[in-house]
Amino acid sequence: MGILIGVAALSGCIEKKEGVTEKPGGQQQTEKEPGVLTPEVTAKTMTGFGMVRPLSWAVYTDGSGVITMVNNGGAIIALTNASGDCTFTLPADTSISTGEVFQITASGCSTGSADDAYDIDVTLKYSKKIAGMTERHSSTGKIKGPYEEK
C-alpha cells in the first residue's frame, strides 16, 4: 500500500497541469502547461551513424545547416557522397584522417520557426583502404533538435 501511495504521489508531480480558458464566442480551449515529461525545449539528439558520426550540428530556420563530424574509423577515409533529407555539400578536402573533425553543409532542409523541432536523415558514404584493399562504407543516422536563428 505504501508503494501505491508513493506512485500516486509521484505521478501527481509529473503530470501536466491543464487549464481551461474561454475563447470569444463562448468556446472553451484546454491548455496544457509543460511538465517534467514534456520539456519546453527540444533537445538535440542523434541516433544511428557508425564510425563516422556527428559531434555537433545546427539546422537553421531558413533550411540551411551544418554538421560537424569526426572520423572514428581507425583509418584514413575518402568521403564520396552525403545525402538525406537535405542537399549536403562535402568539404573541399575529402581525405579525412583518423580522429580528424570535418564539416558538411546543408541546404534545402525543411524550414521552421526558432525552437520548432526538426528530424533529419543523413547518410555519408566513404571508402577506406585496409592493407591495400578498398572498402566502401556508409554511416547513416538521424539528427534531431530545435531550429535555430542564424
N, C-alpha and C. Protein backbone atom coordinates (compact mmCIF):
# COMPACT_ATOMS: atom_id res chain seq x y z
N MET A 1 0.82 -1.19 0.00
CA MET A 1 0.00 0.00 0.00
C MET A 1 0.87 1.26 0.00
N GLY A 2 2.00 1.21 0.72
CA GLY A 2 2.90 2.36 0.75
C GLY A 2 3.48 2.66 -0.62
N ILE A 3 3.77 1.62 -1.40
CA ILE A 3 4.31 1.82 -2.74
C ILE A 3 3.27 2.45 -3.64
N LEU A 4 2.04 2.01 -3.55
CA LEU A 4 0.96 2.55 -4.37
C LEU A 4 0.76 4.03 -4.08
N ILE A 5 0.80 4.40 -2.82
CA ILE A 5 0.64 5.81 -2.45
C ILE A 5 1.81 6.62 -2.99
N GLY A 6 3.02 6.07 -2.90
CA GLY A 6 4.21 6.75 -3.42
C GLY A 6 4.12 6.96 -4.92
N VAL A 7 3.64 5.96 -5.66
CA VAL A 7 3.50 6.08 -7.10
C VAL A 7 2.45 7.13 -7.43
N ALA A 8 1.34 7.12 -6.71
CA ALA A 8 0.29 8.11 -6.95
C ALA A 8 0.82 9.52 -6.68
N ALA A 9 1.60 9.67 -5.62
CA ALA A 9 2.16 10.98 -5.31
C ALA A 9 3.15 11.41 -6.39
N LEU A 10 3.97 10.48 -6.86
CA LEU A 10 4.94 10.79 -7.90
C LEU A 10 4.25 11.15 -9.19
N SER A 11 3.21 10.42 -9.55
CA SER A 11 2.52 10.73 -10.81
C SER A 11 1.91 12.12 -10.76
N GLY A 12 1.52 12.58 -9.61
CA GLY A 12 1.00 13.93 -9.49
C GLY A 12 2.07 14.98 -9.73
N CYS A 13 3.33 14.62 -9.49
CA CYS A 13 4.43 15.55 -9.69
C CYS A 13 4.80 15.71 -11.15
N ILE A 14 4.51 14.70 -11.97
CA ILE A 14 4.99 14.76 -13.34
C ILE A 14 3.89 14.98 -14.37
N GLU A 15 2.67 14.99 -13.93
CA GLU A 15 1.59 15.23 -14.89
C GLU A 15 1.57 16.70 -15.27
N LYS A 16 1.10 16.95 -16.49
CA LYS A 16 0.97 18.32 -16.95
C LYS A 16 -0.27 18.94 -16.33
N LYS A 17 -0.17 20.20 -16.01
CA LYS A 17 -1.32 20.92 -15.48
C LYS A 17 -2.18 21.35 -16.66
N GLU A 18 -3.46 21.22 -16.49
CA GLU A 18 -4.38 21.65 -17.53
C GLU A 18 -5.21 22.81 -17.02
N GLY A 19 -5.44 23.75 -17.90
CA GLY A 19 -6.30 24.87 -17.57
C GLY A 19 -7.29 25.06 -18.70
N VAL A 20 -8.44 25.57 -18.38
CA VAL A 20 -9.46 25.82 -19.40
C VAL A 20 -9.62 27.32 -19.51
N THR A 21 -9.51 27.83 -20.73
CA THR A 21 -9.74 29.24 -20.97
C THR A 21 -10.92 29.37 -21.91
N GLU A 22 -11.60 30.48 -21.79
CA GLU A 22 -12.76 30.69 -22.65
C GLU A 22 -12.35 31.61 -23.79
N LYS A 23 -12.64 31.17 -25.02
CA LYS A 23 -12.34 31.94 -26.21
C LYS A 23 -13.56 32.78 -26.57
N PRO A 24 -13.39 33.80 -27.42
CA PRO A 24 -14.53 34.60 -27.85
C PRO A 24 -15.61 33.70 -28.44
N GLY A 25 -16.86 34.02 -28.19
CA GLY A 25 -17.96 33.21 -28.69
C GLY A 25 -18.35 32.10 -27.74
N GLY A 26 -17.74 32.06 -26.54
CA GLY A 26 -18.11 31.07 -25.55
C GLY A 26 -17.43 29.72 -25.69
N GLN A 27 -16.53 29.55 -26.68
CA GLN A 27 -15.84 28.27 -26.84
C GLN A 27 -14.79 28.13 -25.75
N GLN A 28 -14.59 26.89 -25.31
CA GLN A 28 -13.56 26.64 -24.31
C GLN A 28 -12.37 25.96 -24.97
N GLN A 29 -11.18 26.30 -24.49
CA GLN A 29 -9.96 25.71 -25.01
C GLN A 29 -9.15 25.19 -23.84
N THR A 30 -8.72 23.92 -23.93
CA THR A 30 -7.89 23.33 -22.89
C THR A 30 -6.43 23.62 -23.22
N GLU A 31 -5.70 24.12 -22.25
CA GLU A 31 -4.29 24.41 -22.43
C GLU A 31 -3.50 23.56 -21.45
N LYS A 32 -2.39 23.04 -21.92
CA LYS A 32 -1.52 22.25 -21.05
C LYS A 32 -0.22 22.99 -20.85
N GLU A 33 0.20 23.06 -19.62
CA GLU A 33 1.49 23.66 -19.31
C GLU A 33 2.55 22.58 -19.40
N PRO A 34 3.77 22.94 -19.86
CA PRO A 34 4.83 21.92 -19.90
C PRO A 34 5.10 21.37 -18.51
N GLY A 35 5.33 20.08 -18.44
CA GLY A 35 5.66 19.43 -17.18
C GLY A 35 7.02 18.76 -17.28
N VAL A 36 7.34 17.93 -16.32
CA VAL A 36 8.63 17.25 -16.29
C VAL A 36 8.83 16.37 -17.52
N LEU A 37 7.78 15.70 -17.97
CA LEU A 37 7.90 14.79 -19.10
C LEU A 37 7.68 15.48 -20.44
N THR A 38 7.33 16.73 -20.43
CA THR A 38 7.13 17.47 -21.67
C THR A 38 7.89 18.79 -21.59
N PRO A 39 9.21 18.74 -21.76
CA PRO A 39 10.00 19.96 -21.63
C PRO A 39 9.64 20.95 -22.73
N GLU A 40 9.84 22.24 -22.44
CA GLU A 40 9.55 23.28 -23.41
C GLU A 40 10.55 23.26 -24.55
N VAL A 41 11.79 22.93 -24.29
CA VAL A 41 12.86 23.00 -25.29
C VAL A 41 13.14 21.61 -25.85
N THR A 42 13.24 21.52 -27.18
CA THR A 42 13.58 20.26 -27.83
C THR A 42 15.08 20.02 -27.68
N ALA A 43 15.47 18.87 -27.18
CA ALA A 43 16.88 18.55 -27.01
C ALA A 43 17.49 18.10 -28.33
N LYS A 44 18.78 18.38 -28.51
CA LYS A 44 19.50 17.87 -29.67
C LYS A 44 19.88 16.43 -29.40
N THR A 45 19.52 15.55 -30.32
CA THR A 45 19.88 14.14 -30.19
C THR A 45 20.26 13.60 -31.56
N MET A 46 20.97 12.49 -31.55
CA MET A 46 21.26 11.78 -32.79
C MET A 46 21.08 10.30 -32.53
N THR A 47 20.71 9.58 -33.57
CA THR A 47 20.60 8.13 -33.49
C THR A 47 21.25 7.55 -34.73
N GLY A 48 21.72 6.31 -34.60
CA GLY A 48 22.34 5.65 -35.73
C GLY A 48 23.79 6.06 -35.87
N PHE A 49 24.23 6.18 -37.11
CA PHE A 49 25.59 6.50 -37.50
C PHE A 49 26.53 5.35 -37.12
N GLY A 50 27.74 5.44 -37.57
CA GLY A 50 28.73 4.40 -37.33
C GLY A 50 30.02 5.04 -36.87
N MET A 51 31.11 4.62 -37.49
CA MET A 51 32.42 5.14 -37.09
C MET A 51 32.61 6.61 -37.49
N VAL A 52 31.89 7.06 -38.48
CA VAL A 52 31.91 8.48 -38.85
C VAL A 52 30.59 9.06 -38.35
N ARG A 53 30.69 9.97 -37.38
CA ARG A 53 29.48 10.41 -36.68
C ARG A 53 29.52 11.90 -36.35
N PRO A 54 28.36 12.50 -36.15
CA PRO A 54 28.30 13.92 -35.78
C PRO A 54 28.82 14.17 -34.37
N LEU A 55 29.49 15.30 -34.22
CA LEU A 55 29.87 15.80 -32.90
C LEU A 55 28.92 16.92 -32.48
N SER A 56 28.53 17.72 -33.48
CA SER A 56 27.65 18.86 -33.23
C SER A 56 26.96 19.22 -34.54
N TRP A 57 25.84 19.92 -34.46
CA TRP A 57 25.13 20.32 -35.67
C TRP A 57 24.17 21.45 -35.35
N ALA A 58 23.78 22.15 -36.42
CA ALA A 58 22.76 23.19 -36.32
C ALA A 58 21.96 23.19 -37.61
N VAL A 59 20.65 23.28 -37.49
CA VAL A 59 19.76 23.46 -38.63
C VAL A 59 19.03 24.77 -38.38
N TYR A 60 19.07 25.64 -39.39
CA TYR A 60 18.56 27.00 -39.22
C TYR A 60 17.14 27.14 -39.78
N THR A 61 16.47 28.17 -39.33
CA THR A 61 15.07 28.40 -39.72
C THR A 61 14.90 28.54 -41.23
N ASP A 62 15.96 28.94 -41.94
CA ASP A 62 15.87 29.11 -43.40
C ASP A 62 16.11 27.82 -44.18
N GLY A 63 16.32 26.70 -43.48
CA GLY A 63 16.52 25.41 -44.15
C GLY A 63 17.97 25.09 -44.47
N SER A 64 18.90 25.91 -44.00
CA SER A 64 20.32 25.60 -44.17
C SER A 64 20.83 24.97 -42.88
N GLY A 65 22.05 24.44 -42.92
CA GLY A 65 22.60 23.84 -41.72
C GLY A 65 24.05 23.45 -41.88
N VAL A 66 24.61 22.96 -40.81
CA VAL A 66 25.99 22.49 -40.78
C VAL A 66 26.08 21.33 -39.80
N ILE A 67 26.86 20.32 -40.18
CA ILE A 67 27.09 19.18 -39.29
C ILE A 67 28.60 19.01 -39.13
N THR A 68 29.09 19.07 -37.91
CA THR A 68 30.49 18.84 -37.61
C THR A 68 30.63 17.37 -37.24
N MET A 69 31.50 16.66 -37.99
CA MET A 69 31.62 15.21 -37.83
C MET A 69 33.05 14.82 -37.50
N VAL A 70 33.23 13.58 -37.05
CA VAL A 70 34.55 13.06 -36.73
C VAL A 70 34.69 11.66 -37.33
N ASN A 71 35.91 11.37 -37.79
CA ASN A 71 36.24 10.04 -38.30
C ASN A 71 36.81 9.22 -37.15
N ASN A 72 36.04 8.28 -36.64
CA ASN A 72 36.50 7.37 -35.59
C ASN A 72 36.78 5.98 -36.15
N GLY A 73 37.03 5.91 -37.46
CA GLY A 73 37.12 4.62 -38.15
C GLY A 73 38.44 3.90 -38.08
N GLY A 74 39.48 4.50 -37.55
CA GLY A 74 40.75 3.79 -37.42
C GLY A 74 41.60 3.79 -38.68
N ALA A 75 41.16 4.50 -39.72
CA ALA A 75 41.93 4.60 -40.97
C ALA A 75 41.53 5.88 -41.68
N ILE A 76 42.37 6.33 -42.60
CA ILE A 76 42.02 7.48 -43.44
C ILE A 76 40.83 7.09 -44.30
N ILE A 77 39.86 7.99 -44.40
CA ILE A 77 38.70 7.74 -45.26
C ILE A 77 38.67 8.77 -46.38
N ALA A 78 38.00 8.41 -47.46
CA ALA A 78 37.76 9.33 -48.57
C ALA A 78 36.25 9.51 -48.68
N LEU A 79 35.77 10.70 -48.37
CA LEU A 79 34.34 10.98 -48.46
C LEU A 79 33.91 10.96 -49.92
N THR A 80 32.79 10.30 -50.22
CA THR A 80 32.34 10.21 -51.61
C THR A 80 30.97 10.85 -51.83
N ASN A 81 30.10 10.87 -50.82
CA ASN A 81 28.76 11.41 -51.03
C ASN A 81 28.08 11.62 -49.68
N ALA A 82 27.22 12.62 -49.64
CA ALA A 82 26.35 12.85 -48.48
C ALA A 82 24.95 13.08 -49.01
N SER A 83 23.97 12.43 -48.41
CA SER A 83 22.59 12.55 -48.88
C SER A 83 21.64 12.44 -47.70
N GLY A 84 20.37 12.66 -47.98
CA GLY A 84 19.36 12.56 -46.94
C GLY A 84 18.23 13.53 -47.18
N ASP A 85 17.71 14.10 -46.10
CA ASP A 85 16.57 15.00 -46.18
C ASP A 85 16.93 16.41 -46.61
N CYS A 86 18.22 16.68 -46.83
CA CYS A 86 18.71 17.98 -47.28
C CYS A 86 19.66 17.74 -48.46
N THR A 87 20.11 18.82 -49.08
CA THR A 87 21.19 18.74 -50.05
C THR A 87 22.47 19.04 -49.28
N PHE A 88 23.40 18.09 -49.25
CA PHE A 88 24.62 18.25 -48.47
C PHE A 88 25.82 18.51 -49.37
N THR A 89 26.76 19.30 -48.87
CA THR A 89 28.00 19.60 -49.58
C THR A 89 29.16 19.12 -48.73
N LEU A 90 30.04 18.32 -49.35
CA LEU A 90 31.22 17.81 -48.65
C LEU A 90 32.28 18.90 -48.55
N PRO A 91 33.24 18.75 -47.63
CA PRO A 91 34.33 19.72 -47.56
C PRO A 91 35.22 19.61 -48.80
N ALA A 92 36.00 20.65 -49.06
CA ALA A 92 36.90 20.65 -50.23
C ALA A 92 37.89 19.50 -50.15
N ASP A 93 38.45 19.26 -48.97
CA ASP A 93 39.38 18.14 -48.78
C ASP A 93 38.58 16.95 -48.28
N THR A 94 38.42 15.94 -49.13
CA THR A 94 37.60 14.78 -48.77
C THR A 94 38.42 13.64 -48.17
N SER A 95 39.72 13.83 -48.00
CA SER A 95 40.57 12.83 -47.35
C SER A 95 40.64 13.17 -45.86
N ILE A 96 40.06 12.30 -45.03
CA ILE A 96 39.91 12.60 -43.60
C ILE A 96 40.68 11.56 -42.77
N SER A 97 41.64 12.03 -42.00
CA SER A 97 42.46 11.15 -41.16
C SER A 97 41.67 10.66 -39.95
N THR A 98 42.17 9.61 -39.32
CA THR A 98 41.56 9.09 -38.09
C THR A 98 41.56 10.18 -37.02
N GLY A 99 40.42 10.39 -36.39
CA GLY A 99 40.29 11.39 -35.35
C GLY A 99 40.08 12.80 -35.87
N GLU A 100 40.16 12.99 -37.18
CA GLU A 100 40.01 14.33 -37.75
C GLU A 100 38.54 14.75 -37.74
N VAL A 101 38.33 16.03 -37.50
CA VAL A 101 36.99 16.62 -37.48
C VAL A 101 36.79 17.39 -38.78
N PHE A 102 35.60 17.28 -39.37
CA PHE A 102 35.29 17.98 -40.62
C PHE A 102 33.83 18.40 -40.59
N GLN A 103 33.47 19.28 -41.53
CA GLN A 103 32.09 19.76 -41.60
C GLN A 103 31.48 19.49 -42.96
N ILE A 104 30.19 19.13 -42.94
CA ILE A 104 29.41 19.13 -44.17
C ILE A 104 28.34 20.21 -43.99
N THR A 105 28.02 20.89 -45.08
CA THR A 105 27.00 21.92 -45.02
C THR A 105 25.72 21.41 -45.66
N ALA A 106 24.62 22.01 -45.28
CA ALA A 106 23.31 21.57 -45.77
C ALA A 106 22.52 22.76 -46.31
N SER A 107 21.73 22.49 -47.33
CA SER A 107 20.76 23.46 -47.83
C SER A 107 19.52 22.68 -48.23
N GLY A 108 18.43 23.38 -48.41
CA GLY A 108 17.20 22.71 -48.84
C GLY A 108 16.56 21.82 -47.80
N CYS A 109 16.93 21.98 -46.53
CA CYS A 109 16.27 21.23 -45.46
C CYS A 109 14.88 21.83 -45.25
N SER A 110 14.03 21.13 -44.53
CA SER A 110 12.73 21.70 -44.19
C SER A 110 12.97 22.96 -43.35
N THR A 111 12.02 23.86 -43.37
CA THR A 111 12.15 25.09 -42.61
C THR A 111 11.19 25.07 -41.42
N GLY A 112 11.46 25.93 -40.48
CA GLY A 112 10.60 26.02 -39.31
C GLY A 112 10.92 27.27 -38.51
N SER A 113 10.13 27.54 -37.53
CA SER A 113 10.37 28.67 -36.64
C SER A 113 11.39 28.27 -35.59
N ALA A 114 12.06 29.27 -35.03
CA ALA A 114 13.04 29.01 -33.97
C ALA A 114 12.38 28.19 -32.87
N ASP A 115 13.07 27.17 -32.42
CA ASP A 115 12.66 26.25 -31.36
C ASP A 115 11.66 25.18 -31.80
N ASP A 116 11.12 25.26 -33.04
CA ASP A 116 10.34 24.14 -33.57
C ASP A 116 11.30 22.96 -33.75
N ALA A 117 10.79 21.76 -33.74
CA ALA A 117 11.64 20.56 -33.83
C ALA A 117 11.82 20.12 -35.28
N TYR A 118 13.04 19.66 -35.60
CA TYR A 118 13.32 19.02 -36.88
C TYR A 118 13.80 17.60 -36.63
N ASP A 119 13.75 16.79 -37.67
CA ASP A 119 14.16 15.38 -37.63
C ASP A 119 14.69 15.08 -39.02
N ILE A 120 16.02 14.98 -39.17
CA ILE A 120 16.64 14.91 -40.49
C ILE A 120 17.48 13.64 -40.63
N ASP A 121 17.23 12.91 -41.72
CA ASP A 121 18.03 11.73 -42.06
C ASP A 121 19.29 12.17 -42.79
N VAL A 122 20.42 11.53 -42.45
CA VAL A 122 21.71 11.83 -43.08
C VAL A 122 22.41 10.52 -43.40
N THR A 123 22.94 10.40 -44.62
CA THR A 123 23.79 9.26 -45.00
C THR A 123 25.08 9.80 -45.58
N LEU A 124 26.20 9.37 -45.03
CA LEU A 124 27.52 9.76 -45.51
C LEU A 124 28.20 8.52 -46.06
N LYS A 125 28.59 8.56 -47.34
CA LYS A 125 29.28 7.43 -47.95
C LYS A 125 30.76 7.75 -48.05
N TYR A 126 31.57 6.73 -47.81
CA TYR A 126 33.02 6.91 -47.85
C TYR A 126 33.70 5.59 -48.17
N SER A 127 34.98 5.69 -48.51
CA SER A 127 35.78 4.48 -48.72
C SER A 127 37.03 4.59 -47.86
N LYS A 128 37.62 3.43 -47.59
CA LYS A 128 38.90 3.40 -46.87
C LYS A 128 39.71 2.23 -47.38
N LYS A 129 41.03 2.36 -47.25
CA LYS A 129 41.92 1.27 -47.67
C LYS A 129 42.48 0.59 -46.43
N ILE A 130 42.35 -0.72 -46.43
CA ILE A 130 42.92 -1.55 -45.37
C ILE A 130 43.81 -2.58 -46.05
N ALA A 131 45.09 -2.57 -45.70
CA ALA A 131 46.07 -3.50 -46.29
C ALA A 131 46.01 -3.45 -47.82
N GLY A 132 45.88 -2.23 -48.35
CA GLY A 132 45.87 -2.05 -49.80
C GLY A 132 44.54 -2.37 -50.47
N MET A 133 43.56 -2.82 -49.72
CA MET A 133 42.26 -3.18 -50.28
C MET A 133 41.24 -2.09 -49.94
N THR A 134 40.45 -1.68 -50.93
CA THR A 134 39.46 -0.63 -50.73
C THR A 134 38.14 -1.23 -50.24
N GLU A 135 37.60 -0.61 -49.20
CA GLU A 135 36.28 -0.97 -48.68
C GLU A 135 35.36 0.24 -48.80
N ARG A 136 34.12 0.02 -49.17
CA ARG A 136 33.13 1.09 -49.25
C ARG A 136 32.16 0.95 -48.06
N HIS A 137 31.89 2.07 -47.44
CA HIS A 137 31.04 2.08 -46.25
C HIS A 137 30.06 3.24 -46.30
N SER A 138 29.07 3.19 -45.42
CA SER A 138 28.19 4.33 -45.22
C SER A 138 27.88 4.45 -43.73
N SER A 139 27.63 5.67 -43.34
CA SER A 139 27.26 5.99 -41.97
C SER A 139 25.91 6.71 -42.05
N THR A 140 24.88 6.08 -41.50
CA THR A 140 23.52 6.60 -41.64
C THR A 140 22.90 6.83 -40.27
N GLY A 141 22.20 7.94 -40.14
CA GLY A 141 21.53 8.22 -38.88
C GLY A 141 20.58 9.39 -39.00
N LYS A 142 20.10 9.83 -37.86
CA LYS A 142 19.17 10.96 -37.76
C LYS A 142 19.74 11.99 -36.80
N ILE A 143 19.55 13.25 -37.15
CA ILE A 143 19.82 14.33 -36.19
C ILE A 143 18.48 15.00 -35.89
N LYS A 144 18.30 15.34 -34.63
CA LYS A 144 17.06 15.98 -34.19
C LYS A 144 17.42 17.16 -33.30
N GLY A 145 16.54 18.12 -33.29
CA GLY A 145 16.76 19.27 -32.41
C GLY A 145 15.85 20.41 -32.77
N PRO A 146 16.08 21.57 -32.16
CA PRO A 146 15.27 22.75 -32.46
C PRO A 146 15.92 23.59 -33.56
N TYR A 147 15.10 24.13 -34.45
CA TYR A 147 15.62 25.08 -35.44
C TYR A 147 16.24 26.25 -34.70
N GLU A 148 17.30 26.81 -35.30
CA GLU A 148 17.99 27.94 -34.70
C GLU A 148 18.01 29.11 -35.66
N GLU A 149 18.08 30.32 -35.12
CA GLU A 149 18.26 31.52 -35.94
C GLU A 149 19.72 31.60 -36.34
N LYS A 150 19.98 32.12 -37.53
CA LYS A 150 21.38 32.30 -37.98
C LYS A 150 21.99 33.47 -37.28
